[in-house]
Amino acid sequence: MYTFSNKLKTFSFILMILGALGVGYGFMSSHQSLDDVKVMLAEEASGHGGHAEAATHEVADSHAASGEEHHAEQADAHHGDAHAEHVMHQLHNRPWSALYVAAFFFMMIALGVLAFYAVQFASQAGWSPVLFRVMEGITAYLLPGALIVLAIALLAGDHIFIWMNPEVVAEDALIQGKSGWLNKPMFAVRGLIFIAGWFAYRHFSRKFSIAQDNANDNSNFKKTFRISAAFLVFFLYSESIMSWDWIMSVDPHWFSTLFGWYVFASMFVSGITVISLITIYLKSKGYLEFVNANHLHDVAKFMFAISIFWTYLWFSQFMLIWYSNIPEEVTYFITRINDYNLPFFGMVVLNFVFPVLMLMNADYKRIPWFVVMTGIVILFGHYIDIFNMIMPATVGDRWFIGIPEISSVLLFAGLFIFIVFTALTKAPLLSKGNPLIKESQDFHY
């Protein structure tokens, strides 16, 4: 049986406390008044130097010559107020968005592991049963993590989802056309249905897995096989719709038919990466003695393969939209390239170039510290991926990875560690009753 060490438990609490303090600071510091924002914008404008000032004088001279100086000043003042108010809303959105990005990131890790777990059962894979209890521990985070994501979405309202603002909907014909789907009650109901389905599978598969340890036949294994096959059908539909609701609808004017698959690839590789990291950690502490280098090699192969799959989807979505150059579609990428150039293209390096170069060699996949290093980079890259999906629609060019973002990650990382490692203490780390466990223990090539 695994014992949750006091050091790791204390570490998780420290992360949660530091994260909560930082999140609180982020909310308090973000609520600037309109006058404060005007002063900030004036300071930014003055920092542009002589070019902006010269342009201002030229415009003023032109208006004076045409006798329209007074009207121009009024128009400029009105435009300045509107712009300042827009920036103020973006600043108010930032802590909500940072919290939401981190909450979704850790939730999707657990959901990705649950899907991977179901795939192993449905395919009756013989190499992976020694890792099942690690997967079951990680998926323990799914229920609280998903409920937190849904709660943040509903509490944040139009700070994240502009379609939740009745005034905006009243003036936007396109959002009105989607109001039958994009409305708060149905959003909440769909979210609860997704979570209930995911939790039901996790609950019963875990129950049957533990019961199988002391069973005299394989009935529990067969039950898990059947519900895994059914769950994968439910997962494919629910994950796609969840991606539309919880992420894509932050840009209600934009949509992509590849988006559900794209988010799936990100959560799948992130979940598999966390399986490898926790497995390596437990082995370093003297647990999982039945896990060998061949198991680590296969998990790292999945990290390698799904990174390539993610890149295929990223490029397919980007290339098709960019090449067709339809204004209402391509604006999604123009915003990200103009205002998020470094994180947008940087995540391709983190999520594709780096893992491919690091994990291409078969021998490197068997080296624990090498897999850990690559895994940390992959997780950071996919956090940036979620960051790129949410932030441009909510904070625009006012993004920065600072206290709100880092604190949100610390908060949910601490919660994730506490829940996952607590779950690992509830059952033996070897699912000894699984009929394929002998094959898994002897796995080598």
Protein backbone atom coordinates (compact mmCIF):
# COMPACT_ATOMS: atom_id res chain seq x y z
CA MET A 1 0.00 0.00 0.00
CA TYR A 2 1.17 3.49 -0.80
CA THR A 3 1.58 5.99 2.04
CA PHE A 4 1.12 9.68 1.29
CA SER A 5 4.28 11.24 2.73
CA ASN A 6 3.96 14.19 5.07
CA LYS A 7 6.47 16.16 3.00
CA LEU A 8 4.45 15.79 -0.20
CA LYS A 9 1.20 16.51 1.64
CA THR A 10 2.68 19.64 3.20
CA PHE A 11 4.02 20.67 -0.19
CA SER A 12 0.53 20.36 -1.70
CA PHE A 13 -0.95 22.53 1.06
CA ILE A 14 1.77 25.15 0.59
CA LEU A 15 1.00 25.28 -3.13
CA MET A 16 -2.72 25.71 -2.44
CA ILE A 17 -2.16 28.45 0.15
CA LEU A 18 0.31 30.39 -2.02
CA GLY A 19 -1.99 29.93 -5.00
CA ALA A 20 -5.07 31.13 -3.11
CA LEU A 21 -3.22 34.22 -1.85
CA GLY A 22 -1.96 35.03 -5.33
CA VAL A 23 -5.40 34.54 -6.89
CA GLY A 24 -6.90 36.85 -4.27
CA TYR A 25 -4.24 39.46 -5.03
CA GLY A 26 -4.95 39.10 -8.75
CA PHE A 27 -8.65 39.86 -8.26
CA MET A 28 -7.96 42.82 -5.98
CA SER A 29 -5.33 44.38 -8.23
CA SER A 30 -7.35 43.94 -11.42
CA HIS A 31 -10.32 46.11 -10.43
CA GLN A 32 -9.02 49.41 -11.66
CA SER A 33 -11.40 52.32 -12.18
CA LEU A 34 -12.00 53.93 -15.55
CA ASP A 35 -9.91 56.94 -14.52
CA ASP A 36 -7.02 54.66 -13.52
CA VAL A 37 -7.18 52.97 -16.90
CA LYS A 38 -7.18 56.34 -18.71
CA VAL A 39 -4.06 57.36 -16.82
CA MET A 40 -2.43 54.02 -17.69
CA LEU A 41 -3.28 54.40 -21.37
CA ALA A 42 -2.00 57.98 -21.39
CA GLU A 43 1.29 56.81 -19.93
CA GLU A 44 1.52 54.05 -22.52
CA ALA A 45 0.80 56.53 -25.32
CA SER A 46 3.42 58.97 -24.08
CA GLY A 47 5.94 56.15 -24.05
CA HIS A 48 5.63 55.73 -27.82
CA GLY A 49 7.80 58.79 -28.33
CA GLY A 50 7.85 61.50 -30.93
CA HIS A 51 6.17 59.59 -33.74
CA ALA A 52 2.83 59.34 -31.97
CA GLU A 53 3.09 62.95 -30.83
CA ALA A 54 3.92 64.19 -34.31
CA ALA A 55 1.01 62.24 -35.76
CA THR A 56 -1.32 63.79 -33.18
CA HIS A 57 -0.18 67.31 -34.14
CA GLU A 58 -0.63 66.57 -37.82
CA VAL A 59 -4.19 65.37 -37.26
CA ALA A 60 -4.99 68.39 -35.09
CA ASP A 61 -3.58 70.79 -37.72
CA SER A 62 -5.60 69.12 -40.41
CA HIS A 63 -8.82 69.43 -38.42
CA ALA A 64 -8.11 73.06 -37.59
CA ALA A 65 -7.57 73.86 -41.22
CA SER A 66 -10.91 72.34 -42.17
CA GLY A 67 -12.84 74.03 -39.37
CA GLU A 68 -13.72 70.72 -37.68
CA GLU A 69 -11.36 70.82 -34.72
CA HIS A 70 -14.10 71.00 -32.09
CA HIS A 71 -16.04 68.05 -33.49
CA ALA A 72 -12.85 66.02 -33.87
CA GLU A 73 -11.94 66.63 -30.24
CA GLN A 74 -15.38 65.41 -29.16
CA ALA A 75 -15.07 62.32 -31.35
CA ASP A 76 -11.58 61.62 -30.01
CA ALA A 77 -12.79 62.00 -26.44
CA HIS A 78 -15.71 59.63 -27.05
CA HIS A 79 -13.42 57.11 -28.74
CA GLY A 80 -10.91 57.45 -25.92
CA ASP A 81 -13.58 56.74 -23.29
CA ALA A 82 -14.86 53.71 -25.20
CA HIS A 83 -11.36 52.35 -25.62
CA ALA A 84 -10.53 52.92 -21.95
CA GLU A 85 -13.73 51.14 -20.90
CA HIS A 86 -12.89 48.22 -23.18
CA VAL A 87 -9.39 47.94 -21.67
CA MET A 88 -10.87 48.17 -18.17
CA HIS A 89 -13.11 45.17 -18.91
CA GLN A 90 -10.12 43.24 -20.25
CA LEU A 91 -8.19 43.90 -17.05
CA HIS A 92 -11.18 42.77 -14.98
CA ASN A 93 -11.39 39.58 -17.06
CA ARG A 94 -7.76 38.60 -16.51
CA PRO A 95 -7.94 36.93 -13.04
CA TRP A 96 -11.08 35.04 -14.03
CA SER A 97 -9.43 33.85 -17.22
CA ALA A 98 -6.20 32.85 -15.46
CA LEU A 99 -8.19 30.84 -12.92
CA TYR A 100 -10.26 29.19 -15.66
CA VAL A 101 -7.24 28.25 -17.79
CA ALA A 102 -5.49 26.55 -14.85
CA ALA A 103 -8.68 24.81 -13.67
CA PHE A 104 -9.40 23.45 -17.14
CA PHE A 105 -5.79 22.35 -17.65
CA PHE A 106 -5.71 20.11 -14.58
CA MET A 107 -9.24 18.83 -15.21
CA MET A 108 -8.34 17.83 -18.76
CA ILE A 109 -5.35 15.84 -17.48
CA ALA A 110 -7.68 13.68 -15.39
CA LEU A 111 -10.16 13.35 -18.26
CA GLY A 112 -7.39 12.39 -20.68
CA VAL A 113 -6.20 9.67 -18.29
CA LEU A 114 -9.76 8.36 -17.93
CA ALA A 115 -10.04 8.04 -21.72
CA PHE A 116 -6.66 6.31 -21.89
CA TYR A 117 -7.72 3.93 -19.11
CA ALA A 118 -10.92 3.06 -21.00
CA VAL A 119 -8.95 2.45 -24.20
CA GLN A 120 -6.67 0.00 -22.36
CA PHE A 121 -9.64 -1.98 -21.06
CA ALA A 122 -11.62 -1.90 -24.29
CA SER A 123 -8.60 -3.10 -26.28
CA GLN A 124 -7.64 -5.61 -23.56
CA ALA A 125 -4.06 -4.33 -23.67
CA GLY A 126 -1.64 -6.68 -21.97
CA TRP A 127 1.20 -4.26 -21.21
CA SER A 128 -0.60 -1.65 -19.12
CA PRO A 129 -2.47 -3.30 -16.17
CA VAL A 130 0.48 -2.66 -13.83
CA LEU A 131 -0.25 1.06 -14.32
CA PHE A 132 -4.01 0.87 -13.76
CA ARG A 133 -3.93 1.97 -10.13
CA VAL A 134 -1.85 5.01 -11.06
CA MET A 135 -4.46 5.90 -13.68
CA GLU A 136 -7.28 5.35 -11.19
CA GLY A 137 -5.55 7.67 -8.72
CA ILE A 138 -5.20 10.44 -11.31
CA THR A 139 -8.84 10.16 -12.39
CA ALA A 140 -9.95 10.75 -8.78
CA TYR A 141 -9.38 14.45 -9.55
CA LEU A 142 -11.92 14.45 -12.39
CA LEU A 143 -15.12 15.00 -10.40
CA PRO A 144 -13.96 17.90 -8.21
CA GLY A 145 -11.87 19.32 -11.07
CA ALA A 146 -14.75 19.31 -13.57
CA LEU A 147 -17.21 20.78 -11.06
CA ILE A 148 -14.73 23.57 -10.33
CA VAL A 149 -14.38 24.36 -14.05
CA LEU A 150 -18.16 24.50 -14.48
CA ALA A 151 -18.55 26.64 -11.34
CA ILE A 152 -15.91 29.13 -12.50
CA ALA A 153 -17.55 29.36 -15.92
CA LEU A 154 -20.96 30.12 -14.42
CA LEU A 155 -19.64 32.54 -11.77
CA ALA A 156 -17.38 34.39 -14.21
CA GLY A 157 -20.22 34.86 -16.70
CA ASP A 158 -19.38 37.43 -19.34
CA HIS A 159 -15.88 37.90 -17.92
CA ILE A 160 -15.10 34.77 -19.96
CA PHE A 161 -18.17 34.06 -22.11
CA ILE A 162 -19.40 37.23 -23.79
CA TRP A 163 -22.62 35.49 -24.86
CA MET A 164 -23.67 35.45 -21.19
CA ASN A 165 -24.09 39.25 -21.36
CA PRO A 166 -27.72 40.05 -22.34
CA GLU A 167 -26.78 43.52 -23.60
CA VAL A 168 -24.24 42.07 -26.03
CA VAL A 169 -26.68 39.41 -27.23
CA ALA A 170 -29.37 42.05 -27.83
CA GLU A 171 -27.08 43.85 -30.29
CA ASP A 172 -25.47 40.82 -31.94
CA ALA A 173 -27.57 38.98 -34.53
CA LEU A 174 -25.08 36.13 -34.88
CA ILE A 175 -25.08 35.31 -31.14
CA GLN A 176 -28.87 35.62 -31.13
CA GLY A 177 -28.96 32.91 -33.79
CA LYS A 178 -27.01 30.62 -31.44
CA SER A 179 -28.97 31.54 -28.31
CA GLY A 180 -30.91 28.27 -28.44
CA TRP A 181 -27.62 26.54 -27.64
CA LEU A 182 -25.59 29.29 -25.98
CA ASN A 183 -27.67 30.10 -22.93
CA LYS A 184 -26.74 29.72 -19.29
CA PRO A 185 -29.32 27.10 -18.17
CA MET A 186 -28.57 24.73 -21.04
CA PHE A 187 -24.84 25.34 -20.62
CA ALA A 188 -25.10 24.24 -16.97
CA VAL A 189 -27.31 21.24 -17.77
CA ARG A 190 -25.00 19.97 -20.52
CA GLY A 191 -22.01 20.41 -18.22
CA LEU A 192 -23.65 18.39 -15.45
CA ILE A 193 -24.56 15.62 -17.92
CA PHE A 194 -20.95 15.40 -19.10
CA ILE A 195 -19.62 15.29 -15.55
CA ALA A 196 -22.20 12.71 -14.44
CA GLY A 197 -21.28 10.42 -17.33
CA TRP A 198 -17.54 10.72 -16.73
CA PHE A 199 -17.92 10.19 -12.99
CA ALA A 200 -20.23 7.20 -13.42
CA TYR A 201 -17.68 5.40 -15.56
CA ARG A 202 -14.82 6.27 -13.22
CA HIS A 203 -16.82 5.15 -10.18
CA PHE A 204 -17.89 1.76 -11.54
CA SER A 205 -14.61 0.93 -13.29
CA ARG A 206 -12.74 1.65 -10.06
CA LYS A 207 -15.27 -0.38 -8.06
CA PHE A 208 -14.97 -3.37 -10.40
CA SER A 209 -11.18 -3.08 -10.47
CA ILE A 210 -10.89 -3.32 -6.68
CA ALA A 211 -13.52 -6.09 -6.50
CA GLN A 212 -11.59 -8.10 -9.09
CA ASP A 213 -8.59 -8.31 -6.73
CA ASN A 214 -10.39 -10.80 -4.50
CA ALA A 215 -12.77 -12.37 -7.03
CA ASN A 216 -12.80 -16.05 -8.01
CA ASP A 217 -13.72 -15.35 -11.63
CA ASN A 218 -13.31 -12.62 -14.25
CA SER A 219 -16.85 -11.23 -14.05
CA ASN A 220 -15.73 -7.81 -12.80
CA PHE A 221 -13.14 -7.57 -15.55
CA LYS A 222 -15.81 -8.37 -18.15
CA LYS A 223 -18.12 -5.74 -16.69
CA THR A 224 -15.35 -3.14 -16.96
CA PHE A 225 -14.66 -4.21 -20.53
CA ARG A 226 -18.31 -3.66 -21.49
CA ILE A 227 -18.73 -0.31 -19.77
CA SER A 228 -15.39 0.88 -21.17
CA ALA A 229 -16.58 0.28 -24.72
CA ALA A 230 -19.83 2.14 -23.99
CA PHE A 231 -18.00 4.95 -22.21
CA LEU A 232 -15.70 5.59 -25.16
CA VAL A 233 -18.74 6.29 -27.35
CA PHE A 234 -20.13 8.67 -24.73
CA PHE A 235 -16.70 10.25 -24.27
CA LEU A 236 -16.24 11.06 -27.96
CA TYR A 237 -19.56 12.91 -28.08
CA SER A 238 -19.33 14.56 -24.66
CA GLU A 239 -15.71 15.67 -25.06
CA SER A 240 -16.46 17.33 -28.40
CA ILE A 241 -19.51 19.16 -27.05
CA MET A 242 -17.64 20.09 -23.88
CA SER A 243 -14.88 21.59 -26.06
CA TRP A 244 -17.45 23.70 -27.91
CA ASP A 245 -19.11 24.86 -24.70
CA TRP A 246 -16.21 25.34 -22.33
CA ILE A 247 -13.58 26.66 -24.74
CA MET A 248 -14.73 27.44 -28.28
CA SER A 249 -17.71 29.53 -27.15
CA VAL A 250 -15.38 32.16 -25.67
CA ASP A 251 -15.22 33.23 -29.35
CA PRO A 252 -18.93 32.84 -30.22
CA HIS A 253 -18.46 34.22 -33.75
CA TRP A 254 -15.89 31.54 -34.63
CA PHE A 255 -16.03 27.78 -34.94
CA SER A 256 -13.93 24.90 -36.22
CA THR A 257 -15.10 21.39 -37.06
CA LEU A 258 -11.71 20.07 -35.88
CA PHE A 259 -11.84 21.74 -32.50
CA GLY A 260 -13.12 18.77 -30.47
CA TRP A 261 -10.34 16.54 -31.81
CA TYR A 262 -7.77 19.25 -31.24
CA VAL A 263 -8.69 19.63 -27.56
CA PHE A 264 -8.82 15.83 -27.22
CA ALA A 265 -5.25 15.49 -28.49
CA SER A 266 -4.06 18.07 -25.96
CA MET A 267 -5.80 16.39 -23.01
CA PHE A 268 -4.74 12.89 -24.14
CA VAL A 269 -1.02 13.64 -24.36
CA SER A 270 -1.12 15.68 -21.14
CA GLY A 271 -2.82 12.83 -19.29
CA ILE A 272 -0.36 10.21 -20.59
CA THR A 273 2.54 12.49 -19.62
CA VAL A 274 1.27 12.77 -16.04
CA ILE A 275 0.96 8.96 -15.88
CA SER A 276 4.67 8.71 -16.72
CA LEU A 277 5.67 11.43 -14.22
CA ILE A 278 3.74 9.91 -11.30
CA THR A 279 4.95 6.40 -12.16
CA ILE A 280 8.57 7.57 -12.17
CA TYR A 281 8.04 9.41 -8.86
CA LEU A 282 6.51 6.35 -7.18
CA LYS A 283 9.31 4.11 -8.43
CA SER A 284 11.87 6.55 -7.06
CA LYS A 285 10.21 6.14 -3.65
CA GLY A 286 10.43 2.35 -3.77
CA TYR A 287 6.92 1.59 -5.02
CA LEU A 288 5.77 -0.01 -8.30
CA GLU A 289 8.61 -2.55 -8.26
CA PHE A 290 6.70 -4.50 -10.92
CA VAL A 291 6.98 -1.60 -13.40
CA ASN A 292 10.07 -1.91 -15.59
CA ALA A 293 11.84 0.10 -18.29
CA ASN A 294 9.66 -1.49 -20.96
CA HIS A 295 6.50 -0.01 -19.44
CA LEU A 296 8.15 3.40 -19.26
CA HIS A 297 9.24 3.00 -22.86
CA ASP A 298 5.66 2.34 -24.00
CA VAL A 299 4.23 5.30 -22.08
CA ALA A 300 6.93 7.52 -23.61
CA LYS A 301 6.02 6.13 -27.04
CA PHE A 302 2.47 7.37 -26.49
CA MET A 303 3.84 10.78 -25.45
CA PHE A 304 5.83 10.84 -28.69
CA ALA A 305 2.99 9.62 -30.92
CA ILE A 306 0.22 11.83 -29.53
CA SER A 307 2.50 14.87 -29.73
CA ILE A 308 2.73 14.22 -33.47
CA PHE A 309 -1.04 13.68 -33.63
CA TRP A 310 -1.62 17.01 -31.85
CA THR A 311 0.66 18.74 -34.35
CA TYR A 312 -1.22 17.20 -37.26
CA LEU A 313 -4.49 18.60 -35.91
CA TRP A 314 -2.95 21.99 -35.09
CA PHE A 315 -1.56 22.34 -38.60
CA SER A 316 -4.73 21.03 -40.26
CA GLN A 317 -6.91 23.53 -38.43
CA PHE A 318 -4.50 26.42 -39.00
CA MET A 319 -3.65 25.70 -42.62
CA LEU A 320 -7.22 25.16 -43.84
CA ILE A 321 -8.54 28.33 -42.20
CA TRP A 322 -5.52 30.44 -43.12
CA TYR A 323 -5.48 29.31 -46.75
CA SER A 324 -9.22 29.79 -47.29
CA ASN A 325 -8.87 33.30 -45.80
CA ILE A 326 -12.55 33.69 -44.93
CA PRO A 327 -12.67 36.85 -42.75
CA GLU A 328 -14.94 35.53 -39.99
CA GLU A 329 -12.71 32.43 -39.66
CA VAL A 330 -9.20 33.74 -40.16
CA THR A 331 -9.64 36.53 -37.60
CA TYR A 332 -9.19 33.88 -34.88
CA PHE A 333 -5.60 33.28 -35.97
CA ILE A 334 -4.84 36.89 -36.90
CA THR A 335 -5.57 37.93 -33.30
CA ARG A 336 -3.30 35.23 -31.93
CA ILE A 337 -0.47 35.85 -34.37
CA ASN A 338 -0.53 39.62 -33.86
CA ASP A 339 -0.99 39.73 -30.08
CA TYR A 340 0.22 36.27 -28.97
CA ASN A 341 3.00 35.63 -31.46
CA LEU A 342 5.50 34.12 -28.98
CA PRO A 343 3.12 31.80 -27.09
CA PHE A 344 1.22 30.86 -30.26
CA PHE A 345 4.24 29.67 -32.23
CA GLY A 346 6.27 28.86 -29.11
CA MET A 347 3.81 26.14 -28.10
CA VAL A 348 4.47 24.38 -31.43
CA VAL A 349 8.12 24.12 -30.45
CA LEU A 350 7.21 22.93 -26.94
CA ASN A 351 4.53 20.47 -28.03
CA PHE A 352 6.08 19.11 -31.22
CA VAL A 353 9.71 19.95 -31.95
CA PHE A 354 11.03 19.35 -28.43
CA PRO A 355 9.26 16.02 -27.64
CA VAL A 356 9.97 14.63 -31.11
CA LEU A 357 13.68 15.39 -30.86
CA MET A 358 13.88 14.15 -27.26
CA LEU A 359 11.85 10.95 -27.62
CA MET A 360 12.70 9.85 -31.14
CA ASN A 361 15.47 7.58 -29.89
CA ALA A 362 14.13 4.36 -28.33
CA ASP A 363 16.86 4.27 -25.68
CA TYR A 364 15.97 7.74 -24.37
CA LYS A 365 12.41 6.58 -23.70
CA ARG A 366 13.80 4.24 -21.03
CA ILE A 367 15.73 6.90 -19.12
CA PRO A 368 13.52 8.26 -16.26
CA TRP A 369 15.11 11.69 -15.89
CA PHE A 370 14.95 12.19 -19.66
CA VAL A 371 11.26 11.35 -19.75
CA VAL A 372 10.61 13.65 -16.75
CA MET A 373 12.39 16.57 -18.42
CA THR A 374 10.47 16.06 -21.66
CA GLY A 375 7.19 15.60 -19.77
CA ILE A 376 7.54 18.88 -17.90
CA VAL A 377 8.10 20.72 -21.18
CA ILE A 378 5.08 18.99 -22.76
CA LEU A 379 2.84 19.96 -19.84
CA PHE A 380 4.01 23.57 -19.97
CA GLY A 381 3.41 23.61 -23.72
CA HIS A 382 -0.14 22.36 -23.38
CA TYR A 383 -0.87 24.85 -20.60
CA ILE A 384 0.19 27.53 -23.09
CA ASP A 385 -2.11 25.87 -25.65
CA ILE A 386 -5.12 26.31 -23.35
CA PHE A 387 -3.88 29.82 -22.53
CA ASN A 388 -3.92 30.66 -26.26
CA MET A 389 -7.46 29.32 -26.63
CA ILE A 390 -8.95 31.44 -23.84
CA MET A 391 -6.97 34.63 -23.28
CA PRO A 392 -7.23 36.37 -26.69
CA ALA A 393 -11.04 36.37 -26.43
CA THR A 394 -11.12 37.65 -22.84
CA VAL A 395 -8.11 39.90 -22.23
CA GLY A 396 -7.02 40.71 -25.78
CA ASP A 397 -3.53 42.16 -25.96
CA ARG A 398 -3.51 42.77 -22.18
CA TRP A 399 -2.09 39.32 -21.49
CA PHE A 400 0.88 38.56 -19.30
CA ILE A 401 2.02 35.49 -17.38
CA GLY A 402 2.23 37.05 -13.95
CA ILE A 403 0.87 36.57 -10.44
CA PRO A 404 -2.74 35.66 -11.40
CA GLU A 405 -1.61 33.02 -13.90
CA ILE A 406 1.18 31.50 -11.82
CA SER A 407 -0.91 31.52 -8.65
CA SER A 408 -3.82 29.79 -10.38
CA VAL A 409 -1.48 27.02 -11.55
CA LEU A 410 -0.06 26.64 -8.03
CA LEU A 411 -3.55 26.47 -6.52
CA PHE A 412 -4.80 23.70 -8.77
CA ALA A 413 -1.45 21.88 -8.83
CA GLY A 414 -1.62 21.64 -5.04
CA LEU A 415 -5.22 20.44 -5.14
CA PHE A 416 -4.38 17.94 -7.88
CA ILE A 417 -1.44 16.48 -5.93
CA PHE A 418 -3.48 16.22 -2.72
CA ILE A 419 -6.46 14.46 -4.32
CA VAL A 420 -4.44 12.14 -6.58
CA PHE A 421 -1.98 10.95 -3.97
CA THR A 422 -4.71 10.57 -1.38
CA ALA A 423 -6.57 8.32 -3.84
CA LEU A 424 -3.43 6.23 -4.36
CA THR A 425 -3.46 5.30 -0.65
CA LYS A 426 -6.96 3.76 -0.87
CA ALA A 427 -6.01 0.52 -2.67
CA PRO A 428 -2.92 -1.60 -3.42
CA LEU A 429 -0.84 -0.26 -6.29
CA LEU A 430 -1.08 -3.58 -8.14
CA SER A 431 -4.43 -4.68 -9.57
CA LYS A 432 -3.53 -8.30 -8.85
CA GLY A 433 -6.90 -9.74 -9.85
CA ASN A 434 -6.74 -8.47 -13.42
CA PRO A 435 -6.52 -11.54 -15.71
CA LEU A 436 -3.82 -9.82 -17.78
CA ILE A 437 -1.66 -8.82 -14.82
CA LYS A 438 0.83 -11.67 -15.29
CA GLU A 439 1.34 -10.70 -18.91
CA SER A 440 1.84 -7.10 -17.85
CA GLN A 441 4.38 -7.97 -15.13
CA ASP A 442 6.39 -10.09 -17.57
CA PHE A 443 6.20 -7.47 -20.30
CA HIS A 444 9.53 -7.07 -22.10
CA TYR A 445 10.98 -6.88 -25.59
